[in-house]
Amino acid sequence: MVQELNTKTLQEAIMSSTPVIVDFWASWCGPCRMLAPVFEELSSEYEGKLTFAKISTEDNPDVGSTYSVAGIPCLIVFKDGKEVDRIIGFAPKPLLKQKIDALLAKI
């Protein structure tokens, strides 16, 4: 399950000791819409290992600049409130899974 975040809940969500991957997206973004079902599918595969969340840069315009998001979709992985890594742009499920596995192996 993917959590819907806003500016207030984002800070609390990323402070988790369980890694959190946050999808910074917007409704007008084609690649963001392509990524959404892949992101949702992966969320069930990593249950307990990685928390999946998303935040709209349209509804929360400050988050883009706060986290230096220049292009969307932008997936940022946080652990204990610190950015661990980021994945920018659309990636098909096998590639995204490979990247996530590599990230989790590092942290």
PDB file of N, CA and C in Angstrom:
ATOM      1  N   MET A   1       0.824  -1.192   0.000  1.00  0.00           N
ATOM      2  CA  MET A   1       0.000   0.000   0.000  1.00  0.00           C
ATOM      3  C   MET A   1       0.869   1.257   0.000  1.00  0.00           C
ATOM      4  N   VAL A   2       0.493   2.203  -0.814  1.00  0.00           N
ATOM      5  CA  VAL A   2       1.238   3.460  -0.921  1.00  0.00           C
ATOM      6  C   VAL A   2       0.533   4.520  -0.076  1.00  0.00           C
ATOM      7  N   GLN A   3       1.293   5.150   0.822  1.00  0.00           N
ATOM      8  CA  GLN A   3       0.744   6.220   1.665  1.00  0.00           C
ATOM      9  C   GLN A   3       0.706   7.524   0.881  1.00  0.00           C
ATOM     10  N   GLU A   4      -0.382   8.276   1.013  1.00  0.00           N
ATOM     11  CA  GLU A   4      -0.477   9.618   0.434  1.00  0.00           C
ATOM     12  C   GLU A   4       0.023  10.597   1.485  1.00  0.00           C
ATOM     13  N   LEU A   5       1.020  11.388   1.134  1.00  0.00           N
ATOM     14  CA  LEU A   5       1.581  12.341   2.090  1.00  0.00           C
ATOM     15  C   LEU A   5       1.254  13.775   1.688  1.00  0.00           C
ATOM     16  N   ASN A   6       1.402  14.682   2.660  1.00  0.00           N
ATOM     17  CA  ASN A   6       1.348  16.115   2.385  1.00  0.00           C
ATOM     18  C   ASN A   6       2.539  16.746   3.100  1.00  0.00           C
ATOM     19  N   THR A   7       2.657  18.044   3.011  1.00  0.00           N
ATOM     20  CA  THR A   7       3.816  18.724   3.595  1.00  0.00           C
ATOM     21  C   THR A   7       3.975  18.395   5.077  1.00  0.00           C
ATOM     22  N   LYS A   8       2.877  18.311   5.812  1.00  0.00           N
ATOM     23  CA  LYS A   8       2.942  18.044   7.252  1.00  0.00           C
ATOM     24  C   LYS A   8       3.333  16.599   7.553  1.00  0.00           C
ATOM     25  N   THR A   9       2.770  15.639   6.819  1.00  0.00           N
ATOM     26  CA  THR A   9       3.019  14.224   7.128  1.00  0.00           C
ATOM     27  C   THR A   9       4.331  13.698   6.538  1.00  0.00           C
ATOM     28  N   LEU A  10       4.883  14.402   5.555  1.00  0.00           N
ATOM     29  CA  LEU A  10       6.125  13.948   4.921  1.00  0.00           C
ATOM     30  C   LEU A  10       7.266  13.859   5.926  1.00  0.00           C
ATOM     31  N   GLN A  11       7.450  14.901   6.703  1.00  0.00           N
ATOM     32  CA  GLN A  11       8.567  14.943   7.654  1.00  0.00           C
ATOM     33  C   GLN A  11       8.486  13.788   8.644  1.00  0.00           C
ATOM     34  N   GLU A  12       7.301  13.532   9.144  1.00  0.00           N
ATOM     35  CA  GLU A  12       7.102  12.437  10.098  1.00  0.00           C
ATOM     36  C   GLU A  12       7.372  11.079   9.437  1.00  0.00           C
ATOM     37  N   ALA A  13       6.904  10.916   8.207  1.00  0.00           N
ATOM     38  CA  ALA A  13       7.053   9.644   7.496  1.00  0.00           C
ATOM     39  C   ALA A  13       8.508   9.285   7.238  1.00  0.00           C
ATOM     40  N   ILE A  14       9.328  10.273   6.869  1.00  0.00           N
ATOM     41  CA  ILE A  14      10.722   9.970   6.508  1.00  0.00           C
ATOM     42  C   ILE A  14      11.636   9.766   7.714  1.00  0.00           C
ATOM     43  N   MET A  15      11.140  10.059   8.918  1.00  0.00           N
ATOM     44  CA  MET A  15      11.959   9.869  10.120  1.00  0.00           C
ATOM     45  C   MET A  15      12.023   8.403  10.552  1.00  0.00           C
ATOM     46  N   SER A  16      11.369   7.530   9.840  1.00  0.00           N
ATOM     47  CA  SER A  16      11.292   6.110  10.179  1.00  0.00           C
ATOM     48  C   SER A  16      12.647   5.412  10.072  1.00  0.00           C
ATOM     49  N   SER A  17      12.840   4.405  10.939  1.00  0.00           N
ATOM     50  CA  SER A  17      14.065   3.610  10.837  1.00  0.00           C
ATOM     51  C   SER A  17      13.939   2.591   9.695  1.00  0.00           C
ATOM     52  N   THR A  18      12.696   2.319   9.281  1.00  0.00           N
ATOM     53  CA  THR A  18      12.474   1.511   8.077  1.00  0.00           C
ATOM     54  C   THR A  18      12.640   2.440   6.890  1.00  0.00           C
ATOM     55  N   PRO A  19      13.423   2.077   5.877  1.00  0.00           N
ATOM     56  CA  PRO A  19      13.578   2.961   4.726  1.00  0.00           C
ATOM     57  C   PRO A  19      12.224   3.308   4.094  1.00  0.00           C
ATOM     58  N   VAL A  20      12.131   4.536   3.596  1.00  0.00           N
ATOM     59  CA  VAL A  20      10.904   5.035   2.975  1.00  0.00           C
ATOM     60  C   VAL A  20      11.259   5.526   1.580  1.00  0.00           C
ATOM     61  N   ILE A  21      10.503   5.092   0.571  1.00  0.00           N
ATOM     62  CA  ILE A  21      10.700   5.603  -0.784  1.00  0.00           C
ATOM     63  C   ILE A  21       9.503   6.501  -1.100  1.00  0.00           C
ATOM     64  N   VAL A  22       9.803   7.759  -1.423  1.00  0.00           N
ATOM     65  CA  VAL A  22       8.755   8.747  -1.670  1.00  0.00           C
ATOM     66  C   VAL A  22       8.754   9.123  -3.147  1.00  0.00           C
ATOM     67  N   ASP A  23       7.584   8.998  -3.759  1.00  0.00           N
ATOM     68  CA  ASP A  23       7.391   9.376  -5.157  1.00  0.00           C
ATOM     69  C   ASP A  23       6.893  10.817  -5.200  1.00  0.00           C
ATOM     70  N   PHE A  24       7.731  11.712  -5.713  1.00  0.00           N
ATOM     71  CA  PHE A  24       7.335  13.105  -5.933  1.00  0.00           C
ATOM     72  C   PHE A  24       6.743  13.146  -7.339  1.00  0.00           C
ATOM     73  N   TRP A  25       5.462  13.501  -7.471  1.00  0.00           N
ATOM     74  CA  TRP A  25       4.751  13.371  -8.737  1.00  0.00           C
ATOM     75  C   TRP A  25       3.766  14.528  -8.934  1.00  0.00           C
ATOM     76  N   ALA A  26       3.161  14.576 -10.129  1.00  0.00           N
ATOM     77  CA  ALA A  26       2.105  15.545 -10.430  1.00  0.00           C
ATOM     78  C   ALA A  26       1.127  14.903 -11.404  1.00  0.00           C
ATOM     79  N   SER A  27      -0.136  15.293 -11.332  1.00  0.00           N
ATOM     80  CA  SER A  27      -1.176  14.664 -12.158  1.00  0.00           C
ATOM     81  C   SER A  27      -0.995  14.927 -13.652  1.00  0.00           C
ATOM     82  N   TRP A  28      -0.365  16.053 -14.012  1.00  0.00           N
ATOM     83  CA  TRP A  28      -0.176  16.399 -15.426  1.00  0.00           C
ATOM     84  C   TRP A  28       1.029  15.694 -16.052  1.00  0.00           C
ATOM     85  N   CYS A  29       1.784  14.958 -15.251  1.00  0.00           N
ATOM     86  CA  CYS A  29       3.038  14.334 -15.696  1.00  0.00           C
ATOM     87  C   CYS A  29       2.779  12.922 -16.231  1.00  0.00           C
ATOM     88  N   GLY A  30       2.953  12.730 -17.538  1.00  0.00           N
ATOM     89  CA  GLY A  30       2.738  11.427 -18.173  1.00  0.00           C
ATOM     90  C   GLY A  30       3.573  10.308 -17.565  1.00  0.00           C
ATOM     91  N   PRO A  31       4.904  10.490 -17.444  1.00  0.00           N
ATOM     92  CA  PRO A  31       5.729   9.442 -16.836  1.00  0.00           C
ATOM     93  C   PRO A  31       5.317   9.130 -15.384  1.00  0.00           C
ATOM     94  N   CYS A  32       4.818  10.141 -14.671  1.00  0.00           N
ATOM     95  CA  CYS A  32       4.345   9.915 -13.289  1.00  0.00           C
ATOM     96  C   CYS A  32       3.144   8.972 -13.303  1.00  0.00           C
ATOM     97  N   ARG A  33       2.233   9.193 -14.256  1.00  0.00           N
ATOM     98  CA  ARG A  33       1.039   8.341 -14.362  1.00  0.00           C
ATOM     99  C   ARG A  33       1.421   6.920 -14.778  1.00  0.00           C
ATOM    100  N   MET A  34       2.473   6.788 -15.604  1.00  0.00           N
ATOM    101  CA  MET A  34       2.956   5.459 -16.003  1.00  0.00           C
ATOM    102  C   MET A  34       3.588   4.731 -14.803  1.00  0.00           C
ATOM    103  N   LEU A  35       4.252   5.483 -13.951  1.00  0.00           N
ATOM    104  CA  LEU A  35       4.952   4.901 -12.805  1.00  0.00           C
ATOM    105  C   LEU A  35       3.992   4.466 -11.698  1.00  0.00           C
ATOM    106  N   ALA A  36       2.871   5.148 -11.555  1.00  0.00           N
ATOM    107  CA  ALA A  36       1.950   4.909 -10.430  1.00  0.00           C
ATOM    108  C   ALA A  36       1.566   3.435 -10.240  1.00  0.00           C
ATOM    109  N   PRO A  37       1.104   2.715 -11.288  1.00  0.00           N
ATOM    110  CA  PRO A  37       0.733   1.305 -11.056  1.00  0.00           C
ATOM    111  C   PRO A  37       1.937   0.416 -10.729  1.00  0.00           C
ATOM    112  N   VAL A  38       3.101   0.718 -11.296  1.00  0.00           N
ATOM    113  CA  VAL A  38       4.328  -0.040 -11.011  1.00  0.00           C
ATOM    114  C   VAL A  38       4.708   0.163  -9.545  1.00  0.00           C
ATOM    115  N   PHE A  39       4.651   1.415  -9.089  1.00  0.00           N
ATOM    116  CA  PHE A  39       4.987   1.782  -7.707  1.00  0.00           C
ATOM    117  C   PHE A  39       4.034   1.073  -6.740  1.00  0.00           C
ATOM    118  N   GLU A  40       2.747   1.065  -7.087  1.00  0.00           N
ATOM    119  CA  GLU A  40       1.718   0.405  -6.257  1.00  0.00           C
ATOM    120  C   GLU A  40       1.989  -1.101  -6.165  1.00  0.00           C
ATOM    121  N   GLU A  41       2.311  -1.715  -7.296  1.00  0.00           N
ATOM    122  CA  GLU A  41       2.610  -3.153  -7.327  1.00  0.00           C
ATOM    123  C   GLU A  41       3.810  -3.497  -6.453  1.00  0.00           C
ATOM    124  N   LEU A  42       4.868  -2.700  -6.594  1.00  0.00           N
ATOM    125  CA  LEU A  42       6.092  -2.958  -5.831  1.00  0.00           C
ATOM    126  C   LEU A  42       5.872  -2.776  -4.335  1.00  0.00           C
ATOM    127  N   SER A  43       4.957  -1.886  -3.951  1.00  0.00           N
ATOM    128  CA  SER A  43       4.734  -1.622  -2.526  1.00  0.00           C
ATOM    129  C   SER A  43       4.340  -2.896  -1.779  1.00  0.00           C
ATOM    130  N   SER A  44       3.568  -3.769  -2.422  1.00  0.00           N
ATOM    131  CA  SER A  44       3.169  -5.010  -1.746  1.00  0.00           C
ATOM    132  C   SER A  44       4.322  -6.014  -1.695  1.00  0.00           C
ATOM    133  N   GLU A  45       5.235  -5.946  -2.654  1.00  0.00           N
ATOM    134  CA  GLU A  45       6.368  -6.879  -2.689  1.00  0.00           C
ATOM    135  C   GLU A  45       7.423  -6.574  -1.618  1.00  0.00           C
ATOM    136  N   TYR A  46       7.479  -5.327  -1.172  1.00  0.00           N
ATOM    137  CA  TYR A  46       8.505  -4.924  -0.202  1.00  0.00           C
ATOM    138  C   TYR A  46       7.930  -4.650   1.186  1.00  0.00           C
ATOM    139  N   GLU A  47       6.715  -5.118   1.436  1.00  0.00           N
ATOM    140  CA  GLU A  47       6.064  -4.872   2.712  1.00  0.00           C
ATOM    141  C   GLU A  47       6.950  -5.311   3.874  1.00  0.00           C
ATOM    142  N   GLY A  48       7.137  -4.411   4.836  1.00  0.00           N
ATOM    143  CA  GLY A  48       7.977  -4.708   5.994  1.00  0.00           C
ATOM    144  C   GLY A  48       9.441  -4.356   5.801  1.00  0.00           C
ATOM    145  N   LYS A  49       9.872  -4.219   4.539  1.00  0.00           N
ATOM    146  CA  LYS A  49      11.284  -3.896   4.249  1.00  0.00           C
ATOM    147  C   LYS A  49      11.452  -2.446   3.814  1.00  0.00           C
ATOM    148  N   LEU A  50      10.419  -1.918   3.145  1.00  0.00           N
ATOM    149  CA  LEU A  50      10.487  -0.580   2.564  1.00  0.00           C
ATOM    150  C   LEU A  50       9.075  -0.009   2.540  1.00  0.00           C
ATOM    151  N   THR A  51       8.924   1.214   3.042  1.00  0.00           N
ATOM    152  CA  THR A  51       7.627   1.881   3.036  1.00  0.00           C
ATOM    153  C   THR A  51       7.509   2.711   1.772  1.00  0.00           C
ATOM    154  N   PHE A  52       6.390   2.596   1.084  1.00  0.00           N
ATOM    155  CA  PHE A  52       6.145   3.352  -0.146  1.00  0.00           C
ATOM    156  C   PHE A  52       5.180   4.497   0.144  1.00  0.00           C
ATOM    157  N   ALA A  53       5.533   5.695  -0.327  1.00  0.00           N
ATOM    158  CA  ALA A  53       4.686   6.864  -0.123  1.00  0.00           C
ATOM    159  C   ALA A  53       4.791   7.761  -1.351  1.00  0.00           C
ATOM    160  N   LYS A  54       3.805   8.638  -1.494  1.00  0.00           N
ATOM    161  CA  LYS A  54       3.883   9.590  -2.602  1.00  0.00           C
ATOM    162  C   LYS A  54       3.354  10.934  -2.149  1.00  0.00           C
ATOM    163  N   ILE A  55       3.874  11.974  -2.809  1.00  0.00           N
ATOM    164  CA  ILE A  55       3.447  13.330  -2.494  1.00  0.00           C
ATOM    165  C   ILE A  55       3.329  14.119  -3.792  1.00  0.00           C
ATOM    166  N   SER A  56       2.228  14.798  -3.933  1.00  0.00           N
ATOM    167  CA  SER A  56       1.977  15.589  -5.135  1.00  0.00           C
ATOM    168  C   SER A  56       2.713  16.926  -5.051  1.00  0.00           C
ATOM    169  N   THR A  57       3.519  17.206  -6.058  1.00  0.00           N
ATOM    170  CA  THR A  57       4.228  18.488  -6.092  1.00  0.00           C
ATOM    171  C   THR A  57       3.280  19.620  -6.508  1.00  0.00           C
ATOM    172  N   GLU A  58       2.120  19.261  -7.054  1.00  0.00           N
ATOM    173  CA  GLU A  58       1.095  20.259  -7.389  1.00  0.00           C
ATOM    174  C   GLU A  58       0.398  20.745  -6.128  1.00  0.00           C
ATOM    175  N   ASP A  59      -0.049  19.779  -5.317  1.00  0.00           N
ATOM    176  CA  ASP A  59      -0.789  20.117  -4.100  1.00  0.00           C
ATOM    177  C   ASP A  59       0.117  20.609  -2.983  1.00  0.00           C
ATOM    178  N   ASN A  60       1.394  20.291  -3.062  1.00  0.00           N
ATOM    179  CA  ASN A  60       2.379  20.679  -2.039  1.00  0.00           C
ATOM    180  C   ASN A  60       3.575  21.323  -2.738  1.00  0.00           C
ATOM    181  N   PRO A  61       3.385  22.536  -3.274  1.00  0.00           N
ATOM    182  CA  PRO A  61       4.416  23.144  -4.129  1.00  0.00           C
ATOM    183  C   PRO A  61       5.778  23.369  -3.454  1.00  0.00           C
ATOM    184  N   ASP A  62       5.815  23.483  -2.137  1.00  0.00           N
ATOM    185  CA  ASP A  62       7.087  23.742  -1.451  1.00  0.00           C
ATOM    186  C   ASP A  62       8.017  22.534  -1.408  1.00  0.00           C
ATOM    187  N   VAL A  63       7.455  21.322  -1.501  1.00  0.00           N
ATOM    188  CA  VAL A  63       8.301  20.133  -1.336  1.00  0.00           C
ATOM    189  C   VAL A  63       9.340  19.983  -2.443  1.00  0.00           C
ATOM    190  N   GLY A  64       9.003  20.417  -3.636  1.00  0.00           N
ATOM    191  CA  GLY A  64       9.952  20.320  -4.745  1.00  0.00           C
ATOM    192  C   GLY A  64      11.246  21.062  -4.456  1.00  0.00           C
ATOM    193  N   SER A  65      11.113  22.297  -3.991  1.00  0.00           N
ATOM    194  CA  SER A  65      12.322  23.075  -3.698  1.00  0.00           C
ATOM    195  C   SER A  65      12.987  22.606  -2.405  1.00  0.00           C
ATOM    196  N   THR A  66      12.211  22.219  -1.416  1.00  0.00           N
ATOM    197  CA  THR A  66      12.779  21.746  -0.142  1.00  0.00           C
ATOM    198  C   THR A  66      13.693  20.547  -0.359  1.00  0.00           C
ATOM    199  N   TYR A  67      13.291  19.640  -1.253  1.00  0.00           N
ATOM    200  CA  TYR A  67      14.071  18.416  -1.490  1.00  0.00           C
ATOM    201  C   TYR A  67      14.829  18.449  -2.822  1.00  0.00           C
ATOM    202  N   SER A  68      14.976  19.620  -3.407  1.00  0.00           N
ATOM    203  CA  SER A  68      15.730  19.810  -4.661  1.00  0.00           C
ATOM    204  C   SER A  68      15.270  18.870  -5.767  1.00  0.00           C
ATOM    205  N   VAL A  69      13.965  18.783  -5.945  1.00  0.00           N
ATOM    206  CA  VAL A  69      13.400  17.948  -7.002  1.00  0.00           C
ATOM    207  C   VAL A  69      13.314  18.791  -8.267  1.00  0.00           C
ATOM    208  N   ALA A  70      14.164  18.473  -9.243  1.00  0.00           N
ATOM    209  CA  ALA A  70      14.217  19.245 -10.482  1.00  0.00           C
ATOM    210  C   ALA A  70      13.339  18.629 -11.564  1.00  0.00           C
ATOM    211  N   GLY A  71      13.179  17.319 -11.547  1.00  0.00           N
ATOM    212  CA  GLY A  71      12.367  16.625 -12.547  1.00  0.00           C
ATOM    213  C   GLY A  71      11.522  15.560 -11.879  1.00  0.00           C
ATOM    214  N   ILE A  72      10.344  15.311 -12.435  1.00  0.00           N
ATOM    215  CA  ILE A  72       9.473  14.275 -11.877  1.00  0.00           C
ATOM    216  C   ILE A  72       9.131  13.261 -12.953  1.00  0.00           C
ATOM    217  N   PRO A  73       8.821  12.021 -12.624  1.00  0.00           N
ATOM    218  CA  PRO A  73       8.785  11.509 -11.265  1.00  0.00           C
ATOM    219  C   PRO A  73      10.192  11.416 -10.660  1.00  0.00           C
ATOM    220  N   CYS A  74      10.239  11.654  -9.366  1.00  0.00           N
ATOM    221  CA  CYS A  74      11.499  11.571  -8.628  1.00  0.00           C
ATOM    222  C   CYS A  74      11.238  10.732  -7.385  1.00  0.00           C
ATOM    223  N   LEU A  75      11.905   9.612  -7.290  1.00  0.00           N
ATOM    224  CA  LEU A  75      11.769   8.737  -6.134  1.00  0.00           C
ATOM    225  C   LEU A  75      12.962   8.965  -5.225  1.00  0.00           C
ATOM    226  N   ILE A  76      12.688   9.392  -4.004  1.00  0.00           N
ATOM    227  CA  ILE A  76      13.768   9.628  -3.047  1.00  0.00           C
ATOM    228  C   ILE A  76      13.623   8.621  -1.909  1.00  0.00           C
ATOM    229  N   VAL A  77      14.729   7.955  -1.598  1.00  0.00           N
ATOM    230  CA  VAL A  77      14.744   6.974  -0.511  1.00  0.00           C
ATOM    231  C   VAL A  77      15.334   7.650   0.728  1.00  0.00           C
ATOM    232  N   PHE A  78      14.582   7.566   1.839  1.00  0.00           N
ATOM    233  CA  PHE A  78      15.008   8.149   3.110  1.00  0.00           C
ATOM    234  C   PHE A  78      15.133   7.049   4.155  1.00  0.00           C
ATOM    235  N   LYS A  79      16.074   7.242   5.070  1.00  0.00           N
ATOM    236  CA  LYS A  79      16.181   6.378   6.245  1.00  0.00           C
ATOM    237  C   LYS A  79      16.572   7.273   7.406  1.00  0.00           C
ATOM    238  N   ASP A  80      15.838   7.181   8.495  1.00  0.00           N
ATOM    239  CA  ASP A  80      16.086   8.019   9.678  1.00  0.00           C
ATOM    240  C   ASP A  80      16.126   9.507   9.317  1.00  0.00           C
ATOM    241  N   GLY A  81      15.286   9.923   8.387  1.00  0.00           N
ATOM    242  CA  GLY A  81      15.185  11.333   8.023  1.00  0.00           C
ATOM    243  C   GLY A  81      16.219  11.837   7.037  1.00  0.00           C
ATOM    244  N   LYS A  82      17.148  10.988   6.639  1.00  0.00           N
ATOM    245  CA  LYS A  82      18.203  11.413   5.707  1.00  0.00           C
ATOM    246  C   LYS A  82      17.997  10.772   4.336  1.00  0.00           C
ATOM    247  N   GLU A  83      18.291  11.553   3.299  1.00  0.00           N
ATOM    248  CA  GLU A  83      18.202  11.014   1.948  1.00  0.00           C
ATOM    249  C   GLU A  83      19.334  10.015   1.733  1.00  0.00           C
ATOM    250  N   VAL A  84      18.977   8.826   1.241  1.00  0.00           N
ATOM    251  CA  VAL A  84      19.953   7.781   0.974  1.00  0.00           C
ATOM    252  C   VAL A  84      20.303   7.764  -0.511  1.00  0.00           C
ATOM    253  N   ASP A  85      19.274   7.930  -1.347  1.00  0.00           N
ATOM    254  CA  ASP A  85      19.484   7.911  -2.795  1.00  0.00           C
ATOM    255  C   ASP A  85      18.225   8.407  -3.478  1.00  0.00           C
ATOM    256  N   ARG A  86      18.319   8.611  -4.802  1.00  0.00           N
ATOM    257  CA  ARG A  86      17.133   8.998  -5.568  1.00  0.00           C
ATOM    258  C   ARG A  86      17.176   8.372  -6.949  1.00  0.00           C
ATOM    259  N   ILE A  87      15.981   8.126  -7.477  1.00  0.00           N
ATOM    260  CA  ILE A  87      15.808   7.567  -8.817  1.00  0.00           C
ATOM    261  C   ILE A  87      14.932   8.571  -9.562  1.00  0.00           C
ATOM    262  N   ILE A  88      15.442   9.094 -10.662  1.00  0.00           N
ATOM    263  CA  ILE A  88      14.711  10.131 -11.401  1.00  0.00           C
ATOM    264  C   ILE A  88      14.193   9.561 -12.715  1.00  0.00           C
ATOM    265  N   GLY A  89      12.926   9.867 -13.003  1.00  0.00           N
ATOM    266  CA  GLY A  89      12.324   9.437 -14.256  1.00  0.00           C
ATOM    267  C   GLY A  89      11.625   8.100 -14.136  1.00  0.00           C
ATOM    268  N   PHE A  90      10.901   7.740 -15.194  1.00  0.00           N
ATOM    269  CA  PHE A  90      10.176   6.472 -15.222  1.00  0.00           C
ATOM    270  C   PHE A  90      11.138   5.315 -15.438  1.00  0.00           C
ATOM    271  N   ALA A  91      10.856   4.210 -14.767  1.00  0.00           N
ATOM    272  CA  ALA A  91      11.607   2.970 -14.990  1.00  0.00           C
ATOM    273  C   ALA A  91      10.596   1.829 -14.998  1.00  0.00           C
ATOM    274  N   PRO A  92      10.724   0.877 -15.927  1.00  0.00           N
ATOM    275  CA  PRO A  92       9.823  -0.272 -15.903  1.00  0.00           C
ATOM    276  C   PRO A  92      10.060  -1.093 -14.635  1.00  0.00           C
ATOM    277  N   LYS A  93       9.079  -1.900 -14.274  1.00  0.00           N
ATOM    278  CA  LYS A  93       9.118  -2.642 -13.003  1.00  0.00           C
ATOM    279  C   LYS A  93      10.411  -3.432 -12.786  1.00  0.00           C
ATOM    280  N   PRO A  94      10.892  -4.246 -13.760  1.00  0.00           N
ATOM    281  CA  PRO A  94      12.118  -5.019 -13.490  1.00  0.00           C
ATOM    282  C   PRO A  94      13.323  -4.126 -13.171  1.00  0.00           C
ATOM    283  N   LEU A  95      13.446  -3.010 -13.874  1.00  0.00           N
ATOM    284  CA  LEU A  95      14.570  -2.104 -13.642  1.00  0.00           C
ATOM    285  C   LEU A  95      14.437  -1.402 -12.294  1.00  0.00           C
ATOM    286  N   LEU A  96      13.230  -0.957 -11.977  1.00  0.00           N
ATOM    287  CA  LEU A  96      13.003  -0.284 -10.699  1.00  0.00           C
ATOM    288  C   LEU A  96      13.251  -1.244  -9.543  1.00  0.00           C
ATOM    289  N   LYS A  97      12.814  -2.474  -9.683  1.00  0.00           N
ATOM    290  CA  LYS A  97      13.025  -3.500  -8.659  1.00  0.00           C
ATOM    291  C   LYS A  97      14.525  -3.740  -8.452  1.00  0.00           C
ATOM    292  N   GLN A  98      15.262  -3.791  -9.551  1.00  0.00           N
ATOM    293  CA  GLN A  98      16.719  -3.979  -9.490  1.00  0.00           C
ATOM    294  C   GLN A  98      17.372  -2.819  -8.734  1.00  0.00           C
ATOM    295  N   LYS A  99      16.953  -1.599  -9.047  1.00  0.00           N
ATOM    296  CA  LYS A  99      17.520  -0.421  -8.379  1.00  0.00           C
ATOM    297  C   LYS A  99      17.184  -0.412  -6.888  1.00  0.00           C
ATOM    298  N   ILE A 100      15.935  -0.763  -6.556  1.00  0.00           N
ATOM    299  CA  ILE A 100      15.518  -0.788  -5.157  1.00  0.00           C
ATOM    300  C   ILE A 100      16.295  -1.866  -4.390  1.00  0.00           C
ATOM    301  N   ASP A 101      16.450  -3.038  -4.990  1.00  0.00           N
ATOM    302  CA  ASP A 101      17.208  -4.117  -4.344  1.00  0.00           C
ATOM    303  C   ASP A 101      18.647  -3.687  -4.066  1.00  0.00           C
ATOM    304  N   ALA A 102      19.255  -3.008  -5.031  1.00  0.00           N
ATOM    305  CA  ALA A 102      20.641  -2.535  -4.868  1.00  0.00           C
ATOM    306  C   ALA A 102      20.715  -1.492  -3.730  1.00  0.00           C
ATOM    307  N   LEU A 103      19.739  -0.610  -3.681  1.00  0.00           N
ATOM    308  CA  LEU A 103      19.697   0.405  -2.609  1.00  0.00           C
ATOM    309  C   LEU A 103      19.537  -0.232  -1.239  1.00  0.00           C
ATOM    310  N   LEU A 104      18.606  -1.179  -1.144  1.00  0.00           N
ATOM    311  CA  LEU A 104      18.373  -1.825   0.157  1.00  0.00           C
ATOM    312  C   LEU A 104      19.586  -2.617   0.622  1.00  0.00           C
ATOM    313  N   ALA A 105      20.348  -3.141  -0.312  1.00  0.00           N
ATOM    314  CA  ALA A 105      21.563  -3.888   0.045  1.00  0.00           C
ATOM    315  C   ALA A 105      22.621  -2.959   0.638  1.00  0.00           C
ATOM    316  N   LYS A 106      22.584  -1.668   0.235  1.00  0.00           N
ATOM    317  CA  LYS A 106      23.570  -0.685   0.708  1.00  0.00           C
ATOM    318  C   LYS A 106      23.246  -0.140   2.097  1.00  0.00           C
ATOM    319  N   ILE A 107      21.965  -0.118   2.451  1.00  0.00           N
ATOM    320  CA  ILE A 107      21.585   0.555   3.711  1.00  0.00           C
ATOM    321  C   ILE A 107      21.177  -0.387   4.818  1.00  0.00           C
TER     322      ILE A 107
END
